[in-house]
N, C-alpha and C. Protein backbone atom coordinates (compact mmCIF):
# COMPACT_ATOMS: atom_id res chain seq x y z
N MET A 1 -8.31 6.24 12.87
CA MET A 1 -9.12 6.62 14.00
C MET A 1 -8.85 5.69 15.19
N ARG A 2 -8.73 4.39 14.90
CA ARG A 2 -8.45 3.44 15.97
C ARG A 2 -7.08 3.69 16.59
N VAL A 3 -6.12 4.04 15.78
CA VAL A 3 -4.77 4.30 16.26
C VAL A 3 -4.78 5.49 17.21
N LEU A 4 -5.51 6.51 16.87
CA LEU A 4 -5.63 7.69 17.71
C LEU A 4 -6.28 7.34 19.04
N LEU A 5 -7.31 6.54 19.01
CA LEU A 5 -7.99 6.13 20.22
C LEU A 5 -7.06 5.30 21.11
N VAL A 6 -6.29 4.42 20.52
CA VAL A 6 -5.34 3.60 21.28
C VAL A 6 -4.27 4.49 21.90
N LEU A 7 -3.77 5.46 21.16
CA LEU A 7 -2.75 6.37 21.69
C LEU A 7 -3.30 7.20 22.84
N ILE A 8 -4.53 7.63 22.74
CA ILE A 8 -5.15 8.40 23.82
C ILE A 8 -5.29 7.54 25.07
N LEU A 9 -5.72 6.30 24.92
CA LEU A 9 -5.86 5.40 26.07
C LEU A 9 -4.51 5.10 26.71
N ILE A 10 -3.49 4.92 25.90
CA ILE A 10 -2.14 4.69 26.45
C ILE A 10 -1.66 5.94 27.18
N GLY A 11 -1.92 7.09 26.63
CA GLY A 11 -1.55 8.34 27.28
C GLY A 11 -2.25 8.51 28.61
N ILE A 12 -3.52 8.17 28.68
CA ILE A 12 -4.27 8.26 29.95
C ILE A 12 -3.70 7.29 30.97
N ALA A 13 -3.35 6.09 30.52
CA ALA A 13 -2.79 5.09 31.44
C ALA A 13 -1.47 5.57 32.03
N TYR A 14 -0.60 6.14 31.21
CA TYR A 14 0.68 6.62 31.71
C TYR A 14 0.53 7.89 32.55
N SER A 15 -0.43 8.72 32.23
CA SER A 15 -0.61 9.94 33.02
C SER A 15 -1.15 9.62 34.41
N SER A 16 -1.87 8.52 34.55
CA SER A 16 -2.34 8.15 35.88
C SER A 16 -1.18 7.78 36.79
N LEU A 17 -0.09 7.27 36.22
CA LEU A 17 1.10 6.98 37.02
C LEU A 17 1.73 8.27 37.53
N ALA A 18 1.64 9.32 36.76
CA ALA A 18 2.22 10.59 37.17
C ALA A 18 1.44 11.20 38.33
N TRP A 19 0.17 10.90 38.44
CA TRP A 19 -0.65 11.45 39.52
C TRP A 19 -0.65 10.57 40.76
N ALA A 20 0.07 9.48 40.75
CA ALA A 20 0.13 8.60 41.91
C ALA A 20 0.78 9.33 43.08
N THR A 21 0.38 9.00 44.28
CA THR A 21 0.93 9.65 45.46
C THR A 21 1.87 8.70 46.20
N LEU A 22 2.79 9.28 46.93
CA LEU A 22 3.70 8.49 47.73
C LEU A 22 3.01 8.07 49.02
N PRO A 23 3.47 6.99 49.63
CA PRO A 23 2.87 6.60 50.91
C PRO A 23 3.18 7.65 51.97
N PRO A 24 2.38 7.73 53.01
CA PRO A 24 2.63 8.73 54.05
C PRO A 24 3.96 8.45 54.75
N ALA A 25 4.59 9.51 55.20
CA ALA A 25 5.89 9.38 55.86
C ALA A 25 5.74 8.70 57.22
N SER A 26 6.73 7.90 57.57
CA SER A 26 6.70 7.22 58.86
C SER A 26 7.09 8.20 59.97
N ALA A 27 6.85 7.80 61.20
CA ALA A 27 7.16 8.66 62.34
C ALA A 27 8.67 8.89 62.43
N ALA A 28 9.45 7.88 62.10
CA ALA A 28 10.90 8.03 62.17
C ALA A 28 11.40 9.03 61.13
N SER A 29 10.84 8.98 59.93
CA SER A 29 11.29 9.93 58.91
C SER A 29 10.81 11.35 59.24
N LYS A 30 9.64 11.48 59.86
CA LYS A 30 9.17 12.80 60.29
C LYS A 30 10.09 13.36 61.38
N ALA A 31 10.49 12.50 62.31
CA ALA A 31 11.39 12.94 63.38
C ALA A 31 12.75 13.34 62.82
N GLN A 32 13.22 12.57 61.85
CA GLN A 32 14.50 12.88 61.22
C GLN A 32 14.41 14.20 60.46
N ALA A 33 13.31 14.45 59.78
CA ALA A 33 13.13 15.71 59.06
C ALA A 33 13.05 16.89 60.04
N SER A 34 12.37 16.68 61.15
CA SER A 34 12.27 17.72 62.16
C SER A 34 13.65 18.04 62.75
N GLU A 35 14.43 17.00 63.00
CA GLU A 35 15.78 17.18 63.53
C GLU A 35 16.65 17.94 62.53
N ALA A 36 16.54 17.59 61.25
CA ALA A 36 17.32 18.27 60.22
C ALA A 36 16.91 19.73 60.09
N ALA A 37 15.62 20.01 60.21
CA ALA A 37 15.15 21.40 60.13
C ALA A 37 15.66 22.22 61.32
N ALA A 38 15.64 21.62 62.51
CA ALA A 38 16.13 22.32 63.69
C ALA A 38 17.64 22.58 63.59
N LYS A 39 18.38 21.60 63.11
CA LYS A 39 19.83 21.76 62.94
C LYS A 39 20.13 22.84 61.90
N SER A 40 19.35 22.88 60.82
CA SER A 40 19.54 23.88 59.78
C SER A 40 19.23 25.28 60.32
N ALA A 41 18.19 25.41 61.11
CA ALA A 41 17.85 26.71 61.69
C ALA A 41 18.95 27.18 62.64
N TRP A 42 19.50 26.26 63.44
CA TRP A 42 20.57 26.63 64.36
C TRP A 42 21.82 27.03 63.58
N THR A 43 22.11 26.32 62.49
CA THR A 43 23.27 26.65 61.66
C THR A 43 23.11 28.04 61.06
N ASP A 44 21.90 28.39 60.63
CA ASP A 44 21.65 29.72 60.08
C ASP A 44 21.86 30.80 61.15
N LYS A 45 21.37 30.56 62.36
CA LYS A 45 21.54 31.53 63.45
C LYS A 45 23.02 31.69 63.79
N THR A 46 23.75 30.58 63.78
CA THR A 46 25.18 30.64 64.06
C THR A 46 25.92 31.43 62.99
N ALA A 47 25.55 31.22 61.74
CA ALA A 47 26.18 31.97 60.65
C ALA A 47 25.88 33.47 60.76
N GLN A 48 24.65 33.82 61.13
CA GLN A 48 24.30 35.23 61.31
C GLN A 48 25.10 35.84 62.46
N TYR A 49 25.28 35.09 63.53
CA TYR A 49 26.05 35.58 64.67
C TYR A 49 27.51 35.82 64.27
N GLN A 50 28.09 34.86 63.54
CA GLN A 50 29.48 35.02 63.12
C GLN A 50 29.64 36.19 62.15
N THR A 51 28.67 36.39 61.27
CA THR A 51 28.72 37.52 60.35
C THR A 51 28.62 38.84 61.12
N CYS A 52 27.77 38.89 62.12
CA CYS A 52 27.61 40.09 62.94
C CYS A 52 28.91 40.41 63.68
N ARG A 53 29.52 39.38 64.25
CA ARG A 53 30.78 39.58 64.98
C ARG A 53 31.88 40.05 64.02
N ALA A 54 31.92 39.48 62.82
CA ALA A 54 32.94 39.87 61.84
C ALA A 54 32.74 41.33 61.42
N GLY A 55 31.48 41.72 61.23
CA GLY A 55 31.20 43.11 60.87
C GLY A 55 31.61 44.08 61.97
N ASP A 56 31.35 43.73 63.22
CA ASP A 56 31.77 44.57 64.35
C ASP A 56 33.29 44.69 64.40
N HIS A 57 33.97 43.58 64.14
CA HIS A 57 35.43 43.59 64.17
C HIS A 57 36.00 44.47 63.06
N VAL A 58 35.45 44.35 61.87
CA VAL A 58 35.92 45.16 60.74
C VAL A 58 35.69 46.64 61.03
N ALA A 59 34.55 47.00 61.57
CA ALA A 59 34.26 48.40 61.89
C ALA A 59 35.23 48.93 62.95
N GLU A 60 35.54 48.11 63.94
CA GLU A 60 36.46 48.53 65.00
C GLU A 60 37.87 48.72 64.45
N VAL A 61 38.32 47.81 63.59
CA VAL A 61 39.66 47.95 62.99
C VAL A 61 39.70 49.20 62.11
N TYR A 62 38.65 49.47 61.37
CA TYR A 62 38.60 50.65 60.50
C TYR A 62 38.71 51.92 61.34
N ARG A 63 37.93 52.01 62.43
CA ARG A 63 37.99 53.20 63.28
C ARG A 63 39.37 53.36 63.90
N ARG A 64 39.96 52.26 64.34
CA ARG A 64 41.29 52.31 64.96
C ARG A 64 42.34 52.79 63.94
N GLU A 65 42.29 52.30 62.71
CA GLU A 65 43.25 52.72 61.68
C GLU A 65 43.05 54.18 61.29
N MET A 66 41.80 54.62 61.26
CA MET A 66 41.54 56.02 60.95
C MET A 66 42.12 56.93 62.03
N LYS A 67 41.96 56.55 63.29
CA LYS A 67 42.51 57.36 64.38
C LYS A 67 44.03 57.33 64.34
N ALA A 68 44.62 56.16 64.02
CA ALA A 68 46.07 56.06 63.95
C ALA A 68 46.63 56.91 62.81
N ALA A 69 45.87 57.07 61.75
CA ALA A 69 46.30 57.88 60.61
C ALA A 69 46.05 59.36 60.85
N GLY A 70 45.39 59.68 61.95
CA GLY A 70 45.12 61.08 62.27
C GLY A 70 43.91 61.64 61.56
N LYS A 71 43.10 60.80 60.99
CA LYS A 71 41.89 61.24 60.31
C LYS A 71 40.70 61.10 61.26
N PRO A 72 39.68 61.92 61.07
CA PRO A 72 38.52 61.78 61.96
C PRO A 72 37.75 60.49 61.64
N ALA A 73 37.54 59.72 62.66
CA ALA A 73 36.80 58.46 62.49
C ALA A 73 35.31 58.73 62.64
N PRO A 74 34.50 58.15 61.77
CA PRO A 74 33.06 58.36 61.91
C PRO A 74 32.54 57.69 63.19
N ALA A 75 31.50 58.27 63.71
CA ALA A 75 30.90 57.71 64.93
C ALA A 75 30.26 56.36 64.61
N PRO A 76 30.35 55.43 65.54
CA PRO A 76 29.74 54.12 65.28
C PRO A 76 28.22 54.23 65.17
N VAL A 77 27.69 53.51 64.24
CA VAL A 77 26.25 53.50 64.02
C VAL A 77 25.64 52.49 65.00
N PRO A 78 24.64 52.91 65.78
CA PRO A 78 24.05 51.95 66.73
C PRO A 78 23.28 50.84 66.00
N THR A 79 23.61 49.64 66.30
CA THR A 79 22.93 48.48 65.72
C THR A 79 22.53 47.53 66.84
N ALA A 80 21.74 46.56 66.49
CA ALA A 80 21.33 45.56 67.49
C ALA A 80 22.55 44.73 67.88
N PRO A 81 22.64 44.36 69.14
CA PRO A 81 23.79 43.53 69.55
C PRO A 81 23.71 42.14 68.93
N CYS A 82 24.88 41.55 68.73
CA CYS A 82 24.94 40.20 68.18
C CYS A 82 24.42 39.21 69.23
N GLN A 83 23.57 38.30 68.80
CA GLN A 83 22.99 37.32 69.72
C GLN A 83 23.56 35.95 69.44
N ASP A 84 24.27 35.42 70.41
CA ASP A 84 24.88 34.10 70.28
C ASP A 84 23.78 33.04 70.44
N PRO A 85 23.63 32.13 69.46
CA PRO A 85 22.59 31.11 69.58
C PRO A 85 22.92 30.02 70.58
N GLY A 86 24.15 29.96 71.05
CA GLY A 86 24.54 28.95 72.01
C GLY A 86 24.79 27.61 71.33
N PRO A 87 25.12 26.60 72.12
CA PRO A 87 25.38 25.29 71.53
C PRO A 87 24.10 24.65 71.03
N TYR A 88 24.24 23.75 70.08
CA TYR A 88 23.08 23.09 69.50
C TYR A 88 22.46 22.14 70.52
N ALA A 89 21.16 22.23 70.68
CA ALA A 89 20.42 21.32 71.55
C ALA A 89 19.29 20.73 70.73
N SER A 90 19.29 19.43 70.62
CA SER A 90 18.28 18.74 69.82
C SER A 90 16.91 18.88 70.48
N PRO A 91 15.88 19.29 69.72
CA PRO A 91 14.56 19.43 70.32
C PRO A 91 13.91 18.08 70.60
N THR A 92 14.36 17.03 69.93
CA THR A 92 13.74 15.72 70.12
C THR A 92 14.40 14.92 71.22
N ALA A 93 15.62 15.27 71.58
CA ALA A 93 16.31 14.51 72.62
C ALA A 93 15.76 14.92 73.98
N SER A 94 15.20 13.99 74.68
CA SER A 94 14.70 14.27 76.01
C SER A 94 15.61 13.59 77.03
N ALA A 95 15.51 14.03 78.24
CA ALA A 95 16.33 13.45 79.29
C ALA A 95 15.87 12.03 79.57
N LYS A 96 16.78 11.09 79.41
CA LYS A 96 16.45 9.70 79.66
C LYS A 96 16.68 9.39 81.14
N PRO A 97 15.91 8.48 81.69
CA PRO A 97 16.20 8.07 83.06
C PRO A 97 17.57 7.41 83.12
N LEU A 98 18.16 7.39 84.30
CA LEU A 98 19.51 6.88 84.46
C LEU A 98 19.63 5.44 83.98
N GLU A 99 18.66 4.60 84.30
CA GLU A 99 18.74 3.20 83.90
C GLU A 99 18.56 3.03 82.40
N ALA A 100 17.76 3.85 81.77
CA ALA A 100 17.53 3.73 80.34
C ALA A 100 18.70 4.27 79.54
N SER A 101 19.53 5.11 80.16
CA SER A 101 20.65 5.69 79.43
C SER A 101 21.83 4.75 79.33
N GLY A 102 21.75 3.59 79.96
CA GLY A 102 22.83 2.63 79.86
C GLY A 102 23.82 2.73 81.00
N ALA A 103 23.65 3.68 81.89
CA ALA A 103 24.56 3.81 83.02
C ALA A 103 24.21 2.78 84.08
N HIS A 104 25.20 2.35 84.80
CA HIS A 104 24.96 1.36 85.85
C HIS A 104 24.62 2.07 87.15
N SER A 105 23.85 1.40 87.96
CA SER A 105 23.50 1.95 89.25
C SER A 105 24.72 1.93 90.16
N PRO A 106 24.82 2.88 91.08
CA PRO A 106 25.96 2.86 91.98
C PRO A 106 25.88 1.64 92.90
N ALA A 107 27.03 1.22 93.36
CA ALA A 107 27.08 0.06 94.25
C ALA A 107 26.43 0.40 95.58
N GLU A 108 25.81 -0.61 96.18
CA GLU A 108 25.17 -0.40 97.48
C GLU A 108 26.23 -0.37 98.57
N THR A 109 25.90 0.28 99.66
CA THR A 109 26.81 0.34 100.79
C THR A 109 26.90 -1.04 101.42
N ALA A 110 28.13 -1.47 101.70
CA ALA A 110 28.33 -2.80 102.27
C ALA A 110 27.84 -2.82 103.71
N SER A 111 27.05 -3.84 104.06
CA SER A 111 26.58 -3.99 105.43
C SER A 111 27.35 -5.07 106.17
N SER A 112 28.06 -5.90 105.44
CA SER A 112 28.90 -6.94 106.05
C SER A 112 30.08 -7.17 105.12
N PRO A 113 31.15 -7.77 105.66
CA PRO A 113 32.29 -8.01 104.79
C PRO A 113 31.94 -9.01 103.69
N PRO A 114 32.55 -8.90 102.56
CA PRO A 114 32.22 -9.80 101.46
C PRO A 114 32.74 -11.22 101.65
N SER A 115 33.66 -11.41 102.56
CA SER A 115 34.23 -12.75 102.74
C SER A 115 33.40 -13.57 103.72
N SER A 116 33.71 -14.85 103.80
CA SER A 116 33.01 -15.73 104.74
C SER A 116 33.64 -15.62 106.12
N GLN A 117 33.10 -16.34 107.08
CA GLN A 117 33.59 -16.30 108.45
C GLN A 117 34.87 -17.12 108.63
N ALA A 118 35.21 -17.95 107.69
CA ALA A 118 36.41 -18.79 107.82
C ALA A 118 37.66 -17.95 107.61
N HIS A 119 38.71 -18.30 108.35
CA HIS A 119 39.98 -17.60 108.22
C HIS A 119 40.71 -18.10 106.98
N SER A 120 41.66 -17.35 106.53
CA SER A 120 42.38 -17.73 105.32
C SER A 120 43.18 -19.01 105.51
N ALA A 121 43.65 -19.25 106.73
CA ALA A 121 44.41 -20.48 106.98
C ALA A 121 43.51 -21.70 106.85
N GLU A 122 42.27 -21.55 107.21
CA GLU A 122 41.35 -22.67 107.11
C GLU A 122 40.93 -22.92 105.65
N LEU A 123 40.95 -21.88 104.82
CA LEU A 123 40.53 -22.02 103.44
C LEU A 123 41.61 -22.64 102.55
N GLN A 124 42.88 -22.45 102.91
CA GLN A 124 43.96 -22.99 102.10
C GLN A 124 44.16 -24.46 102.43
N PRO A 125 44.42 -25.27 101.43
CA PRO A 125 44.62 -26.69 101.70
C PRO A 125 45.95 -26.91 102.45
N ALA A 126 45.99 -28.01 103.15
CA ALA A 126 47.20 -28.34 103.91
C ALA A 126 48.31 -28.71 102.92
N PRO A 127 49.56 -28.36 103.28
CA PRO A 127 50.66 -28.71 102.38
C PRO A 127 50.79 -30.24 102.26
N LYS A 128 51.17 -30.70 101.11
CA LYS A 128 51.31 -32.12 100.86
C LYS A 128 52.68 -32.59 101.35
N PRO A 129 52.73 -33.80 102.00
CA PRO A 129 54.02 -34.28 102.50
C PRO A 129 54.93 -34.80 101.42
């Protein structure tokens, strides 16, 4: 009876570990997951677009070969046009200000010459005898 009680207590102790929860996700990991989900959705849309274009191409080649063989080609079935998802744009990337993006500011317009008022002959040392 004692052995059974000990086994039950050990089982309860180990089962509590199974019900433990993970710490909440950090903001960085949430942003990374959001970015991955957006990229995956765009990849799916791109794959659908490419499949649609391939299907249109196959149907056009089939009709062309049927006409070339002198057989009546079936009329094209009206379908929704293929929608290009465009290039991938990250939803989290926002436009950074010019200074924050690491670019340098343009040079200011010169208001005076960069050199001093002395002539070059005065700046060079006299030749040694």
